[in-house]
Amino acid sequence: MIEDDLIKKAKQGNMNAFQQLVEMHYPVVEKFAYQLGNRQDEIEDITQEVFIRVYRFLDQFTKAKFSTWLYKITLNVTRDFARKRQSNLRKVFKIQQDLRNDDYPETEAEVIRNEEDRMLHLAIQKLDEKYRVPIVLFYFHEKKYEEIADIMSISLSTVKTRILRGKTMLKKVIEEFKKKEGDIYG
C-alpha cells in the first residue's frame, strides 16, 4: 500500500494504516531527532511525541509532501523539548544551560561506532541550530534545498547561504578538534 493511500485511510480513522505510516517513518524521525542534538535518552520520547502530533493533526495535513511535514514536526518537538529541558534545569539546578556537551558518551558510542563519525557528529552539534538543521537535512537526509526551505520556513537563498556558512564553520570546528587531538597525542 502506498503512502498516499495510508494517509487517506489513516485520516478516515484506520488505525492499521496509521500504524503502517508510523513504522515506515519511525527510523527517519529517530535519526533526525538524534542528529538535531537531542540526548539519546530523549530520542524515544521525542519520536513518540512526533507521532502523537501527527495523529492529532493528520486531518489538517494537505497535499504537501508527508516526509517534509514530519521533519517540520520533529524540528518543532525538538525545540519544545529543548525549551522544557532548559526550564527544568533552571528550576532544579539554576546554573547549567547546556546539557549537550558531554552528557552521553556511553550511549553515543553505541550509536556512533567510528571515531571520525563521532567527531563529525560532535562538530555538527557545536553549530548553531540555524546552520545545523540545513546541513543535517541536506547531507544526511538527502533533502533538496526547496524541501529544507519548506521544513524550516525560510527562503531558498537563506538555505543556500546557511549550508555554505555551516560547512565553513563545520570545517573550522573539525580543525579545532583535530588540533586538540594532536595536542593530546603529540
N, C-alpha and C. Protein backbone atom coordinates (compact mmCIF):
# COMPACT_ATOMS: atom_id res chain seq x y z
N MET A 1 0.85 -1.19 0.00
CA MET A 1 0.00 0.00 0.00
C MET A 1 0.89 1.24 0.00
N ILE A 2 0.60 2.17 -0.89
CA ILE A 2 1.46 3.34 -0.98
C ILE A 2 1.10 4.37 0.09
N GLU A 3 2.03 5.28 0.33
CA GLU A 3 1.92 6.26 1.40
C GLU A 3 0.63 7.08 1.31
N ASP A 4 0.28 7.55 0.11
CA ASP A 4 -0.92 8.37 -0.05
C ASP A 4 -2.18 7.62 0.39
N ASP A 5 -2.24 6.32 0.05
CA ASP A 5 -3.39 5.51 0.46
C ASP A 5 -3.42 5.36 1.98
N LEU A 6 -2.25 5.14 2.57
CA LEU A 6 -2.17 5.00 4.02
C LEU A 6 -2.63 6.28 4.71
N ILE A 7 -2.20 7.42 4.19
CA ILE A 7 -2.58 8.71 4.78
C ILE A 7 -4.09 8.89 4.69
N LYS A 8 -4.64 8.60 3.52
CA LYS A 8 -6.08 8.73 3.31
C LYS A 8 -6.86 7.85 4.29
N LYS A 9 -6.43 6.61 4.41
CA LYS A 9 -7.12 5.68 5.32
C LYS A 9 -6.94 6.08 6.78
N ALA A 10 -5.72 6.55 7.12
CA ALA A 10 -5.47 6.98 8.50
C ALA A 10 -6.35 8.18 8.85
N LYS A 11 -6.53 9.08 7.89
CA LYS A 11 -7.40 10.24 8.11
C LYS A 11 -8.84 9.81 8.38
N GLN A 12 -9.22 8.67 7.81
CA GLN A 12 -10.58 8.15 7.99
C GLN A 12 -10.70 7.32 9.28
N GLY A 13 -9.60 7.25 10.05
CA GLY A 13 -9.64 6.55 11.32
C GLY A 13 -9.10 5.13 11.31
N ASN A 14 -8.53 4.70 10.20
CA ASN A 14 -7.98 3.35 10.11
C ASN A 14 -6.65 3.29 10.88
N MET A 15 -6.69 2.67 12.06
CA MET A 15 -5.50 2.61 12.92
C MET A 15 -4.40 1.73 12.33
N ASN A 16 -4.78 0.72 11.57
CA ASN A 16 -3.78 -0.13 10.94
C ASN A 16 -2.96 0.67 9.92
N ALA A 17 -3.66 1.52 9.17
CA ALA A 17 -2.96 2.37 8.19
C ALA A 17 -2.04 3.35 8.91
N PHE A 18 -2.52 3.93 10.00
CA PHE A 18 -1.68 4.85 10.76
C PHE A 18 -0.46 4.13 11.32
N GLN A 19 -0.64 2.94 11.85
CA GLN A 19 0.47 2.15 12.37
C GLN A 19 1.51 1.88 11.29
N GLN A 20 1.05 1.60 10.08
CA GLN A 20 1.98 1.37 8.97
C GLN A 20 2.76 2.64 8.63
N LEU A 21 2.09 3.79 8.70
CA LEU A 21 2.78 5.06 8.48
C LEU A 21 3.87 5.27 9.54
N VAL A 22 3.51 4.99 10.78
CA VAL A 22 4.47 5.14 11.87
C VAL A 22 5.68 4.23 11.63
N GLU A 23 5.43 2.97 11.35
CA GLU A 23 6.51 2.01 11.14
C GLU A 23 7.40 2.42 9.96
N MET A 24 6.78 2.99 8.94
CA MET A 24 7.50 3.41 7.74
C MET A 24 8.46 4.58 8.04
N HIS A 25 8.03 5.50 8.90
CA HIS A 25 8.79 6.73 9.11
C HIS A 25 9.52 6.82 10.45
N TYR A 26 9.29 5.88 11.35
CA TYR A 26 9.87 5.93 12.69
C TYR A 26 11.40 6.04 12.66
N PRO A 27 12.11 5.21 11.88
CA PRO A 27 13.58 5.29 11.89
C PRO A 27 14.12 6.65 11.42
N VAL A 28 13.48 7.25 10.44
CA VAL A 28 13.94 8.55 9.93
C VAL A 28 13.74 9.63 10.99
N VAL A 29 12.60 9.60 11.67
CA VAL A 29 12.32 10.59 12.71
C VAL A 29 13.33 10.43 13.85
N GLU A 30 13.60 9.19 14.26
CA GLU A 30 14.59 8.93 15.31
C GLU A 30 15.96 9.47 14.92
N LYS A 31 16.38 9.17 13.72
CA LYS A 31 17.70 9.59 13.23
C LYS A 31 17.80 11.12 13.20
N PHE A 32 16.76 11.77 12.67
CA PHE A 32 16.77 13.23 12.58
C PHE A 32 16.77 13.85 13.98
N ALA A 33 15.98 13.30 14.89
CA ALA A 33 15.95 13.82 16.27
C ALA A 33 17.33 13.70 16.92
N TYR A 34 18.01 12.60 16.69
CA TYR A 34 19.35 12.42 17.25
C TYR A 34 20.33 13.42 16.63
N GLN A 35 20.24 13.58 15.32
CA GLN A 35 21.16 14.47 14.62
C GLN A 35 20.93 15.94 14.97
N LEU A 36 19.76 16.25 15.47
CA LEU A 36 19.48 17.61 15.90
C LEU A 36 20.12 17.92 17.25
N GLY A 37 20.71 16.90 17.87
CA GLY A 37 21.44 17.13 19.12
C GLY A 37 20.70 16.73 20.37
N ASN A 38 19.61 16.02 20.22
CA ASN A 38 18.89 15.56 21.40
C ASN A 38 19.68 14.45 22.08
N ARG A 39 19.50 14.38 23.39
CA ARG A 39 20.17 13.33 24.15
C ARG A 39 19.56 11.98 23.81
N GLN A 40 20.39 10.96 23.85
CA GLN A 40 19.95 9.62 23.48
C GLN A 40 18.74 9.17 24.31
N ASP A 41 18.71 9.54 25.58
CA ASP A 41 17.60 9.10 26.42
C ASP A 41 16.30 9.88 26.15
N GLU A 42 16.36 10.89 25.29
CA GLU A 42 15.16 11.64 24.92
C GLU A 42 14.61 11.26 23.55
N ILE A 43 15.40 10.56 22.77
CA ILE A 43 15.03 10.28 21.38
C ILE A 43 13.70 9.54 21.28
N GLU A 44 13.50 8.53 22.09
CA GLU A 44 12.26 7.76 22.02
C GLU A 44 11.06 8.64 22.38
N ASP A 45 11.19 9.44 23.44
CA ASP A 45 10.09 10.33 23.84
C ASP A 45 9.78 11.34 22.74
N ILE A 46 10.81 11.90 22.16
CA ILE A 46 10.62 12.88 21.09
C ILE A 46 9.92 12.22 19.89
N THR A 47 10.40 11.05 19.52
CA THR A 47 9.82 10.35 18.37
C THR A 47 8.35 10.02 18.63
N GLN A 48 8.04 9.57 19.84
CA GLN A 48 6.65 9.27 20.17
C GLN A 48 5.80 10.54 20.13
N GLU A 49 6.33 11.64 20.64
CA GLU A 49 5.59 12.90 20.62
C GLU A 49 5.35 13.36 19.19
N VAL A 50 6.31 13.14 18.30
CA VAL A 50 6.13 13.49 16.89
C VAL A 50 4.91 12.75 16.33
N PHE A 51 4.84 11.45 16.60
CA PHE A 51 3.74 10.67 16.02
C PHE A 51 2.40 10.92 16.74
N ILE A 52 2.46 11.35 17.98
CA ILE A 52 1.22 11.79 18.65
C ILE A 52 0.69 13.04 17.94
N ARG A 53 1.59 13.96 17.63
CA ARG A 53 1.17 15.18 16.92
C ARG A 53 0.70 14.86 15.51
N VAL A 54 1.37 13.92 14.86
CA VAL A 54 0.92 13.52 13.52
C VAL A 54 -0.50 13.00 13.62
N TYR A 55 -0.77 12.17 14.60
CA TYR A 55 -2.12 11.60 14.77
C TYR A 55 -3.14 12.71 15.06
N ARG A 56 -2.78 13.62 15.96
CA ARG A 56 -3.71 14.70 16.35
C ARG A 56 -4.01 15.64 15.19
N PHE A 57 -3.02 15.88 14.34
CA PHE A 57 -3.18 16.90 13.30
C PHE A 57 -3.26 16.32 11.89
N LEU A 58 -3.41 15.02 11.78
CA LEU A 58 -3.44 14.38 10.46
C LEU A 58 -4.57 14.94 9.59
N ASP A 59 -5.68 15.28 10.21
CA ASP A 59 -6.79 15.83 9.43
C ASP A 59 -6.45 17.18 8.81
N GLN A 60 -5.43 17.87 9.36
CA GLN A 60 -5.00 19.16 8.83
C GLN A 60 -3.94 19.03 7.73
N PHE A 61 -3.41 17.81 7.58
CA PHE A 61 -2.39 17.58 6.56
C PHE A 61 -3.04 17.67 5.18
N THR A 62 -2.39 18.44 4.30
CA THR A 62 -2.93 18.59 2.95
C THR A 62 -2.02 17.89 1.95
N LYS A 63 -1.94 18.40 0.77
CA LYS A 63 -1.19 17.73 -0.30
C LYS A 63 0.32 17.95 -0.25
N ALA A 64 0.83 18.54 0.82
CA ALA A 64 2.28 18.71 0.94
C ALA A 64 2.94 17.33 1.00
N LYS A 65 4.23 17.31 0.88
CA LYS A 65 4.95 16.05 0.99
C LYS A 65 4.94 15.60 2.46
N PHE A 66 4.53 14.37 2.72
CA PHE A 66 4.37 13.88 4.08
C PHE A 66 5.68 13.91 4.86
N SER A 67 6.78 13.52 4.22
CA SER A 67 8.06 13.50 4.94
C SER A 67 8.49 14.92 5.32
N THR A 68 8.19 15.90 4.47
CA THR A 68 8.51 17.29 4.80
C THR A 68 7.74 17.72 6.04
N TRP A 69 6.47 17.36 6.08
CA TRP A 69 5.63 17.66 7.23
C TRP A 69 6.19 17.01 8.50
N LEU A 70 6.65 15.76 8.38
CA LEU A 70 7.25 15.04 9.52
C LEU A 70 8.51 15.73 10.02
N TYR A 71 9.36 16.18 9.11
CA TYR A 71 10.58 16.89 9.50
C TYR A 71 10.23 18.16 10.26
N LYS A 72 9.22 18.89 9.77
CA LYS A 72 8.80 20.12 10.46
C LYS A 72 8.34 19.80 11.89
N ILE A 73 7.53 18.78 12.01
CA ILE A 73 7.02 18.40 13.33
C ILE A 73 8.17 17.98 14.23
N THR A 74 9.11 17.19 13.72
CA THR A 74 10.26 16.74 14.50
C THR A 74 11.09 17.93 14.97
N LEU A 75 11.30 18.89 14.10
CA LEU A 75 12.05 20.09 14.46
C LEU A 75 11.32 20.86 15.57
N ASN A 76 10.01 21.00 15.46
CA ASN A 76 9.23 21.71 16.48
C ASN A 76 9.22 20.97 17.81
N VAL A 77 9.07 19.65 17.77
CA VAL A 77 9.08 18.86 19.02
C VAL A 77 10.45 18.97 19.68
N THR A 78 11.52 18.92 18.89
CA THR A 78 12.87 19.07 19.43
C THR A 78 13.03 20.41 20.12
N ARG A 79 12.54 21.45 19.48
CA ARG A 79 12.62 22.79 20.08
C ARG A 79 11.81 22.84 21.38
N ASP A 80 10.63 22.23 21.38
CA ASP A 80 9.80 22.19 22.60
C ASP A 80 10.52 21.46 23.73
N PHE A 81 11.13 20.32 23.40
CA PHE A 81 11.87 19.56 24.41
C PHE A 81 13.04 20.36 24.95
N ALA A 82 13.73 21.08 24.05
CA ALA A 82 14.87 21.89 24.48
C ALA A 82 14.41 22.99 25.43
N ARG A 83 13.30 23.64 25.10
CA ARG A 83 12.77 24.68 25.99
C ARG A 83 12.37 24.10 27.34
N LYS A 84 11.72 22.95 27.31
CA LYS A 84 11.29 22.29 28.54
C LYS A 84 12.51 21.88 29.37
N ARG A 85 13.51 21.34 28.70
CA ARG A 85 14.74 20.93 29.39
C ARG A 85 15.39 22.13 30.05
N GLN A 86 15.50 23.23 29.32
CA GLN A 86 16.12 24.44 29.86
C GLN A 86 15.33 24.97 31.06
N SER A 87 14.03 24.97 30.92
CA SER A 87 13.19 25.43 32.02
C SER A 87 13.37 24.57 33.26
N ASN A 88 13.38 23.27 33.07
CA ASN A 88 13.57 22.34 34.20
C ASN A 88 14.95 22.51 34.83
N LEU A 89 15.95 22.72 34.00
CA LEU A 89 17.30 22.90 34.53
C LEU A 89 17.40 24.15 35.39
N ARG A 90 16.78 25.23 34.90
CA ARG A 90 16.80 26.47 35.68
C ARG A 90 16.10 26.29 37.02
N LYS A 91 15.01 25.55 37.01
CA LYS A 91 14.27 25.32 38.24
C LYS A 91 15.07 24.44 39.20
N VAL A 92 15.63 23.37 38.70
CA VAL A 92 16.29 22.40 39.56
C VAL A 92 17.71 22.83 39.92
N PHE A 93 18.51 23.15 38.96
CA PHE A 93 19.92 23.44 39.19
C PHE A 93 20.25 24.93 39.22
N LYS A 94 19.49 25.72 38.50
CA LYS A 94 19.68 27.18 38.43
C LYS A 94 21.06 27.58 37.93
N ILE A 95 21.75 26.71 37.23
CA ILE A 95 23.05 27.07 36.70
C ILE A 95 23.18 26.61 35.25
N GLN A 96 23.29 25.32 35.08
CA GLN A 96 23.67 24.74 33.80
C GLN A 96 22.66 25.05 32.71
N GLN A 97 23.11 25.58 31.57
CA GLN A 97 22.21 25.92 30.48
C GLN A 97 22.32 24.96 29.30
N ASP A 98 23.43 24.29 29.17
CA ASP A 98 23.57 23.43 28.00
C ASP A 98 23.99 22.04 28.43
N LEU A 99 23.09 21.07 28.31
CA LEU A 99 23.37 19.69 28.72
C LEU A 99 24.07 18.87 27.64
N ARG A 100 24.12 19.38 26.44
CA ARG A 100 24.56 18.54 25.33
C ARG A 100 26.06 18.29 25.28
N ASN A 101 26.86 19.02 26.02
CA ASN A 101 28.31 18.93 25.84
C ASN A 101 28.85 17.50 25.87
N ASP A 102 28.92 16.90 27.03
CA ASP A 102 29.45 15.53 27.13
C ASP A 102 28.49 14.68 27.94
N ASP A 103 27.21 14.82 27.68
CA ASP A 103 26.20 14.21 28.51
C ASP A 103 25.93 12.75 28.19
N TYR A 104 26.39 12.27 27.06
CA TYR A 104 26.01 10.93 26.67
C TYR A 104 27.12 10.14 25.99
N PRO A 105 28.31 10.10 26.58
CA PRO A 105 29.42 9.42 25.88
C PRO A 105 29.23 7.91 25.73
N GLU A 106 28.63 7.23 26.72
CA GLU A 106 28.49 5.78 26.61
C GLU A 106 27.45 5.39 25.57
N THR A 107 26.26 5.99 25.64
CA THR A 107 25.23 5.64 24.67
C THR A 107 25.59 6.15 23.29
N GLU A 108 26.28 7.25 23.23
CA GLU A 108 26.70 7.78 21.94
C GLU A 108 27.64 6.79 21.27
N ALA A 109 28.52 6.18 22.04
CA ALA A 109 29.47 5.22 21.48
C ALA A 109 28.75 4.03 20.85
N GLU A 110 27.59 3.67 21.39
CA GLU A 110 26.80 2.58 20.80
C GLU A 110 26.26 3.00 19.44
N VAL A 111 25.86 4.24 19.32
CA VAL A 111 25.24 4.72 18.09
C VAL A 111 26.31 5.06 17.05
N ILE A 112 27.37 5.68 17.49
CA ILE A 112 28.42 6.09 16.55
C ILE A 112 29.66 5.26 16.82
N ARG A 113 29.89 4.32 15.96
CA ARG A 113 30.96 3.35 16.17
C ARG A 113 32.34 3.93 15.85
N ASN A 114 32.43 4.63 14.79
CA ASN A 114 33.73 5.04 14.30
C ASN A 114 34.08 6.45 14.77
N GLU A 115 35.29 6.65 15.15
CA GLU A 115 35.73 7.91 15.77
C GLU A 115 35.55 9.12 14.86
N GLU A 116 35.77 8.97 13.57
CA GLU A 116 35.57 10.09 12.65
C GLU A 116 34.10 10.49 12.61
N ASP A 117 33.21 9.50 12.59
CA ASP A 117 31.77 9.80 12.62
C ASP A 117 31.42 10.50 13.93
N ARG A 118 32.00 10.05 15.00
CA ARG A 118 31.75 10.66 16.31
C ARG A 118 32.22 12.11 16.32
N MET A 119 33.40 12.35 15.76
CA MET A 119 33.94 13.70 15.70
C MET A 119 33.03 14.59 14.84
N LEU A 120 32.59 14.06 13.70
CA LEU A 120 31.70 14.82 12.83
C LEU A 120 30.39 15.13 13.55
N HIS A 121 29.84 14.14 14.22
CA HIS A 121 28.59 14.35 14.96
C HIS A 121 28.75 15.43 16.02
N LEU A 122 29.82 15.36 16.79
CA LEU A 122 30.05 16.35 17.84
C LEU A 122 30.29 17.74 17.24
N ALA A 123 30.99 17.77 16.10
CA ALA A 123 31.25 19.06 15.44
C ALA A 123 29.94 19.67 14.95
N ILE A 124 29.07 18.85 14.38
CA ILE A 124 27.77 19.35 13.92
C ILE A 124 26.96 19.90 15.09
N GLN A 125 27.05 19.24 16.25
CA GLN A 125 26.31 19.70 17.42
C GLN A 125 26.80 21.05 17.93
N LYS A 126 28.05 21.41 17.59
CA LYS A 126 28.60 22.71 18.00
C LYS A 126 28.01 23.86 17.18
N LEU A 127 27.45 23.55 16.01
CA LEU A 127 26.89 24.59 15.16
C LEU A 127 25.58 25.10 15.75
N ASP A 128 25.31 26.36 15.51
CA ASP A 128 24.02 26.94 15.87
C ASP A 128 22.93 26.21 15.09
N GLU A 129 21.75 26.08 15.66
CA GLU A 129 20.66 25.34 15.03
C GLU A 129 20.38 25.79 13.59
N LYS A 130 20.47 27.10 13.34
CA LYS A 130 20.13 27.59 12.01
C LYS A 130 21.09 27.08 10.93
N TYR A 131 22.28 26.65 11.33
CA TYR A 131 23.22 26.04 10.39
C TYR A 131 23.18 24.51 10.47
N ARG A 132 23.00 24.00 11.68
CA ARG A 132 22.99 22.56 11.91
C ARG A 132 21.84 21.87 11.15
N VAL A 133 20.64 22.41 11.26
CA VAL A 133 19.48 21.76 10.66
C VAL A 133 19.60 21.63 9.14
N PRO A 134 19.94 22.70 8.41
CA PRO A 134 20.06 22.52 6.95
C PRO A 134 21.16 21.55 6.55
N ILE A 135 22.27 21.55 7.30
CA ILE A 135 23.36 20.63 6.98
C ILE A 135 22.91 19.18 7.19
N VAL A 136 22.26 18.91 8.30
CA VAL A 136 21.78 17.56 8.58
C VAL A 136 20.76 17.12 7.53
N LEU A 137 19.82 17.99 7.21
CA LEU A 137 18.79 17.64 6.22
C LEU A 137 19.39 17.41 4.84
N PHE A 138 20.34 18.25 4.44
CA PHE A 138 20.92 18.15 3.10
C PHE A 138 21.85 16.93 2.97
N TYR A 139 22.76 16.78 3.90
CA TYR A 139 23.79 15.75 3.76
C TYR A 139 23.39 14.38 4.31
N PHE A 140 22.56 14.34 5.33
CA PHE A 140 22.23 13.06 5.96
C PHE A 140 20.83 12.56 5.62
N HIS A 141 19.96 13.46 5.17
CA HIS A 141 18.60 13.06 4.80
C HIS A 141 18.32 13.33 3.33
N GLU A 142 19.35 13.80 2.61
CA GLU A 142 19.31 13.99 1.17
C GLU A 142 18.10 14.81 0.73
N LYS A 143 17.81 15.88 1.48
CA LYS A 143 16.71 16.78 1.14
C LYS A 143 17.22 17.85 0.19
N LYS A 144 16.37 18.23 -0.73
CA LYS A 144 16.70 19.30 -1.67
C LYS A 144 16.55 20.64 -0.96
N TYR A 145 17.20 21.66 -1.53
CA TYR A 145 17.12 23.00 -0.94
C TYR A 145 15.68 23.45 -0.75
N GLU A 146 14.82 23.16 -1.73
CA GLU A 146 13.42 23.58 -1.67
C GLU A 146 12.71 22.94 -0.47
N GLU A 147 12.98 21.65 -0.24
CA GLU A 147 12.36 20.95 0.89
C GLU A 147 12.85 21.53 2.22
N ILE A 148 14.14 21.82 2.29
CA ILE A 148 14.71 22.40 3.51
C ILE A 148 14.08 23.75 3.78
N ALA A 149 13.91 24.54 2.73
CA ALA A 149 13.27 25.85 2.88
C ALA A 149 11.86 25.69 3.43
N ASP A 150 11.15 24.70 2.93
CA ASP A 150 9.79 24.44 3.40
C ASP A 150 9.78 23.96 4.84
N ILE A 151 10.66 23.02 5.17
CA ILE A 151 10.72 22.47 6.53
C ILE A 151 11.04 23.57 7.54
N MET A 152 11.97 24.44 7.18
CA MET A 152 12.43 25.46 8.13
C MET A 152 11.67 26.80 7.99
N SER A 153 10.80 26.87 7.00
CA SER A 153 10.04 28.11 6.73
C SER A 153 10.97 29.31 6.50
N ILE A 154 11.96 29.08 5.63
CA ILE A 154 12.89 30.14 5.25
C ILE A 154 13.00 30.16 3.72
N SER A 155 13.64 31.18 3.18
CA SER A 155 13.76 31.28 1.73
C SER A 155 14.83 30.33 1.20
N LEU A 156 14.73 30.08 -0.10
CA LEU A 156 15.70 29.21 -0.78
C LEU A 156 17.11 29.78 -0.68
N SER A 157 17.25 31.09 -0.87
CA SER A 157 18.58 31.71 -0.79
C SER A 157 19.15 31.62 0.63
N THR A 158 18.28 31.70 1.63
CA THR A 158 18.75 31.56 3.02
C THR A 158 19.26 30.15 3.27
N VAL A 159 18.57 29.16 2.72
CA VAL A 159 19.03 27.76 2.85
C VAL A 159 20.43 27.62 2.26
N LYS A 160 20.62 28.13 1.05
CA LYS A 160 21.91 28.01 0.37
C LYS A 160 23.01 28.71 1.18
N THR A 161 22.70 29.88 1.68
CA THR A 161 23.67 30.64 2.47
C THR A 161 24.02 29.90 3.76
N ARG A 162 23.01 29.37 4.44
CA ARG A 162 23.26 28.68 5.71
C ARG A 162 24.06 27.41 5.51
N ILE A 163 23.81 26.69 4.43
CA ILE A 163 24.59 25.47 4.17
C ILE A 163 26.04 25.85 3.88
N LEU A 164 26.24 26.87 3.07
CA LEU A 164 27.59 27.31 2.75
C LEU A 164 28.33 27.77 4.01
N ARG A 165 27.70 28.64 4.79
CA ARG A 165 28.32 29.13 6.02
C ARG A 165 28.51 27.99 7.03
N GLY A 166 27.52 27.13 7.11
CA GLY A 166 27.59 26.00 8.04
C GLY A 166 28.75 25.08 7.72
N LYS A 167 28.98 24.83 6.43
CA LYS A 167 30.11 23.99 6.02
C LYS A 167 31.43 24.64 6.43
N THR A 168 31.52 25.94 6.24
CA THR A 168 32.74 26.67 6.61
C THR A 168 32.97 26.58 8.12
N MET A 169 31.91 26.79 8.89
CA MET A 169 32.03 26.70 10.36
C MET A 169 32.37 25.28 10.79
N LEU A 170 31.75 24.31 10.14
CA LEU A 170 31.99 22.91 10.47
C LEU A 170 33.44 22.54 10.23
N LYS A 171 33.99 23.03 9.13
CA LYS A 171 35.39 22.77 8.81
C LYS A 171 36.30 23.32 9.92
N LYS A 172 35.99 24.53 10.40
CA LYS A 172 36.79 25.14 11.47
C LYS A 172 36.69 24.33 12.76
N VAL A 173 35.47 23.89 13.10
CA VAL A 173 35.28 23.12 14.33
C VAL A 173 36.06 21.81 14.24
N ILE A 174 36.00 21.15 13.10
CA ILE A 174 36.72 19.88 12.93
C ILE A 174 38.23 20.11 13.03
N GLU A 175 38.70 21.19 12.43
CA GLU A 175 40.14 21.51 12.53
C GLU A 175 40.54 21.75 13.98
N GLU A 176 39.67 22.42 14.75
CA GLU A 176 39.95 22.64 16.18
C GLU A 176 40.00 21.31 16.93
N PHE A 177 39.06 20.42 16.63
CA PHE A 177 39.05 19.09 17.26
C PHE A 177 40.35 18.35 16.95
N LYS A 178 40.74 18.37 15.69
CA LYS A 178 41.94 17.67 15.27
C LYS A 178 43.19 18.27 15.93
N LYS A 179 43.21 19.60 16.05
CA LYS A 179 44.33 20.27 16.71
C LYS A 179 44.40 19.84 18.17
N LYS A 180 43.25 19.85 18.85
CA LYS A 180 43.21 19.42 20.26
C LYS A 180 43.67 17.97 20.39
N GLU A 181 43.19 17.13 19.46
CA GLU A 181 43.58 15.72 19.48
C GLU A 181 45.08 15.59 19.25
N GLY A 182 45.63 16.40 18.34
CA GLY A 182 47.07 16.39 18.08
C GLY A 182 47.85 16.86 19.30
N ASP A 183 47.31 17.86 20.02
CA ASP A 183 47.97 18.36 21.24
C ASP A 183 47.99 17.28 22.32
N ILE A 184 46.92 16.49 22.37
CA ILE A 184 46.82 15.45 23.39
C ILE A 184 47.83 14.32 23.09
N TYR A 185 47.89 13.93 21.79
CA TYR A 185 48.74 12.80 21.44
C TYR A 185 50.12 13.20 20.94
N GLY A 186 50.31 14.52 20.69
CA GLY A 186 51.55 14.98 20.08
C GLY A 186 52.60 15.23 21.03
